[in-house]
């Protein structure tokens, strides 16, 4: 049974063609599913406004600075509201 035996058997040749065809179909279905998912994600998230990491970090820094300023102002206000003892 040499390598020529397979090519002489039409049943095996047809089966190999069938498998190759099925593999191509499955690969095509996978590509199509991937493209469909990508399009759906674009449609779903396309309307949302996302910010860049740099913008997020800048706003986070501003918020931290504002919190520190508020705490300092609370301390000043408490000092001003405390009655002075003469």
C-alpha atoms as a PDB file:
ATOM      1  CA  UNK A   1       0.000   0.000   0.000  1.00  0.00           C
ATOM      2  CA  UNK A   2       2.040   2.964  -1.272  1.00  0.00           C
ATOM      3  CA  UNK A   3       1.191   6.644  -1.643  1.00  0.00           C
ATOM      4  CA  UNK A   4      -0.327   5.936  -5.081  1.00  0.00           C
ATOM      5  CA  UNK A   5      -3.022   3.798  -3.484  1.00  0.00           C
ATOM      6  CA  UNK A   6      -4.888   6.806  -2.046  1.00  0.00           C
ATOM      7  CA  UNK A   7      -4.984   8.743  -5.289  1.00  0.00           C
ATOM      8  CA  UNK A   8      -6.367   5.704  -7.096  1.00  0.00           C
ATOM      9  CA  UNK A   9      -9.314   5.330  -4.714  1.00  0.00           C
ATOM     10  CA  UNK A  10     -12.056   7.789  -5.821  1.00  0.00           C
ATOM     11  CA  UNK A  11     -13.938   7.371  -2.542  1.00  0.00           C
ATOM     12  CA  UNK A  12     -10.957   8.630  -0.533  1.00  0.00           C
ATOM     13  CA  UNK A  13     -10.332  11.449  -3.027  1.00  0.00           C
ATOM     14  CA  UNK A  14     -13.972  12.537  -2.765  1.00  0.00           C
ATOM     15  CA  UNK A  15     -13.823  12.344   1.019  1.00  0.00           C
ATOM     16  CA  UNK A  16     -10.683  14.516   1.100  1.00  0.00           C
ATOM     17  CA  UNK A  17     -12.369  17.050  -1.206  1.00  0.00           C
ATOM     18  CA  UNK A  18     -15.386  17.064   1.076  1.00  0.00           C
ATOM     19  CA  UNK A  19     -13.220  17.660   4.153  1.00  0.00           C
ATOM     20  CA  UNK A  20     -11.312  20.480   2.431  1.00  0.00           C
ATOM     21  CA  UNK A  21     -14.582  22.070   1.392  1.00  0.00           C
ATOM     22  CA  UNK A  22     -15.991  21.764   4.916  1.00  0.00           C
ATOM     23  CA  UNK A  23     -12.825  23.282   6.387  1.00  0.00           C
ATOM     24  CA  UNK A  24     -13.099  26.234   3.998  1.00  0.00           C
ATOM     25  CA  UNK A  25     -16.755  26.697   4.893  1.00  0.00           C
ATOM     26  CA  UNK A  26     -16.025  26.623   8.626  1.00  0.00           C
ATOM     27  CA  UNK A  27     -13.181  29.123   8.208  1.00  0.00           C
ATOM     28  CA  UNK A  28     -15.488  31.409   6.213  1.00  0.00           C
ATOM     29  CA  UNK A  29     -18.186  31.143   8.860  1.00  0.00           C
ATOM     30  CA  UNK A  30     -15.634  32.037  11.525  1.00  0.00           C
ATOM     31  CA  UNK A  31     -14.524  35.128   9.594  1.00  0.00           C
ATOM     32  CA  UNK A  32     -18.124  36.158   9.022  1.00  0.00           C
ATOM     33  CA  UNK A  33     -18.998  35.711  12.707  1.00  0.00           C
ATOM     34  CA  UNK A  34     -15.966  37.753  13.709  1.00  0.00           C
ATOM     35  CA  UNK A  35     -16.906  40.570  11.329  1.00  0.00           C
ATOM     36  CA  UNK A  36     -20.496  40.516  12.561  1.00  0.00           C
ATOM     37  CA  UNK A  37     -19.369  40.740  16.193  1.00  0.00           C
ATOM     38  CA  UNK A  38     -17.027  43.611  15.341  1.00  0.00           C
ATOM     39  CA  UNK A  39     -19.836  45.501  13.589  1.00  0.00           C
ATOM     40  CA  UNK A  40     -22.237  44.919  16.500  1.00  0.00           C
ATOM     41  CA  UNK A  41     -19.638  46.131  18.997  1.00  0.00           C
ATOM     42  CA  UNK A  42     -19.074  49.239  16.873  1.00  0.00           C
ATOM     43  CA  UNK A  43     -22.816  49.882  16.750  1.00  0.00           C
ATOM     44  CA  UNK A  44     -23.224  49.301  20.485  1.00  0.00           C
ATOM     45  CA  UNK A  45     -20.257  51.311  21.705  1.00  0.00           C
ATOM     46  CA  UNK A  46     -20.063  53.798  18.853  1.00  0.00           C
ATOM     47  CA  UNK A  47     -22.487  56.199  20.522  1.00  0.00           C
ATOM     48  CA  UNK A  48     -20.651  56.184  23.823  1.00  0.00           C
ATOM     49  CA  UNK A  49     -18.068  58.829  24.595  1.00  0.00           C
ATOM     50  CA  UNK A  50     -14.907  57.246  25.880  1.00  0.00           C
ATOM     51  CA  UNK A  51     -12.018  59.307  27.182  1.00  0.00           C
ATOM     52  CA  UNK A  52      -8.352  58.665  26.674  1.00  0.00           C
ATOM     53  CA  UNK A  53      -6.162  57.531  29.546  1.00  0.00           C
ATOM     54  CA  UNK A  54      -4.426  60.937  29.539  1.00  0.00           C
ATOM     55  CA  UNK A  55      -7.754  62.775  29.871  1.00  0.00           C
ATOM     56  CA  UNK A  56      -8.840  60.447  32.669  1.00  0.00           C
ATOM     57  CA  UNK A  57      -5.578  60.954  34.581  1.00  0.00           C
ATOM     58  CA  UNK A  58      -5.816  64.753  34.150  1.00  0.00           C
ATOM     59  CA  UNK A  59      -9.364  64.864  35.549  1.00  0.00           C
ATOM     60  CA  UNK A  60      -8.388  62.505  38.362  1.00  0.00           C
ATOM     61  CA  UNK A  61      -5.530  64.850  39.286  1.00  0.00           C
ATOM     62  CA  UNK A  62      -7.869  67.863  39.216  1.00  0.00           C
ATOM     63  CA  UNK A  63     -10.337  66.065  41.490  1.00  0.00           C
ATOM     64  CA  UNK A  64      -7.588  65.167  43.980  1.00  0.00           C
ATOM     65  CA  UNK A  65      -6.378  68.776  43.992  1.00  0.00           C
ATOM     66  CA  UNK A  66      -9.941  70.034  44.550  1.00  0.00           C
ATOM     67  CA  UNK A  67     -10.407  67.611  47.480  1.00  0.00           C
ATOM     68  CA  UNK A  68      -7.195  68.855  49.087  1.00  0.00           C
ATOM     69  CA  UNK A  69      -8.326  72.471  48.655  1.00  0.00           C
ATOM     70  CA  UNK A  70     -11.735  71.691  50.173  1.00  0.00           C
ATOM     71  CA  UNK A  71     -10.074  70.056  53.202  1.00  0.00           C
ATOM     72  CA  UNK A  72      -7.796  73.083  53.677  1.00  0.00           C
ATOM     73  CA  UNK A  73     -10.790  75.435  53.427  1.00  0.00           C
ATOM     74  CA  UNK A  74     -12.716  73.368  55.983  1.00  0.00           C
ATOM     75  CA  UNK A  75      -9.842  73.753  58.438  1.00  0.00           C
ATOM     76  CA  UNK A  76      -9.685  77.524  57.800  1.00  0.00           C
ATOM     77  CA  UNK A  77     -13.443  77.867  58.209  1.00  0.00           C
ATOM     78  CA  UNK A  78     -13.398  75.893  61.452  1.00  0.00           C
ATOM     79  CA  UNK A  79     -10.624  78.164  62.753  1.00  0.00           C
ATOM     80  CA  UNK A  80     -12.603  81.292  61.824  1.00  0.00           C
ATOM     81  CA  UNK A  81     -15.791  79.994  63.417  1.00  0.00           C
ATOM     82  CA  UNK A  82     -14.080  79.124  66.692  1.00  0.00           C
ATOM     83  CA  UNK A  83     -14.675  81.932  69.187  1.00  0.00           C
ATOM     84  CA  UNK A  84     -11.480  83.619  70.241  1.00  0.00           C
ATOM     85  CA  UNK A  85     -10.688  83.593  73.907  1.00  0.00           C
ATOM     86  CA  UNK A  86      -9.385  86.979  75.122  1.00  0.00           C
END
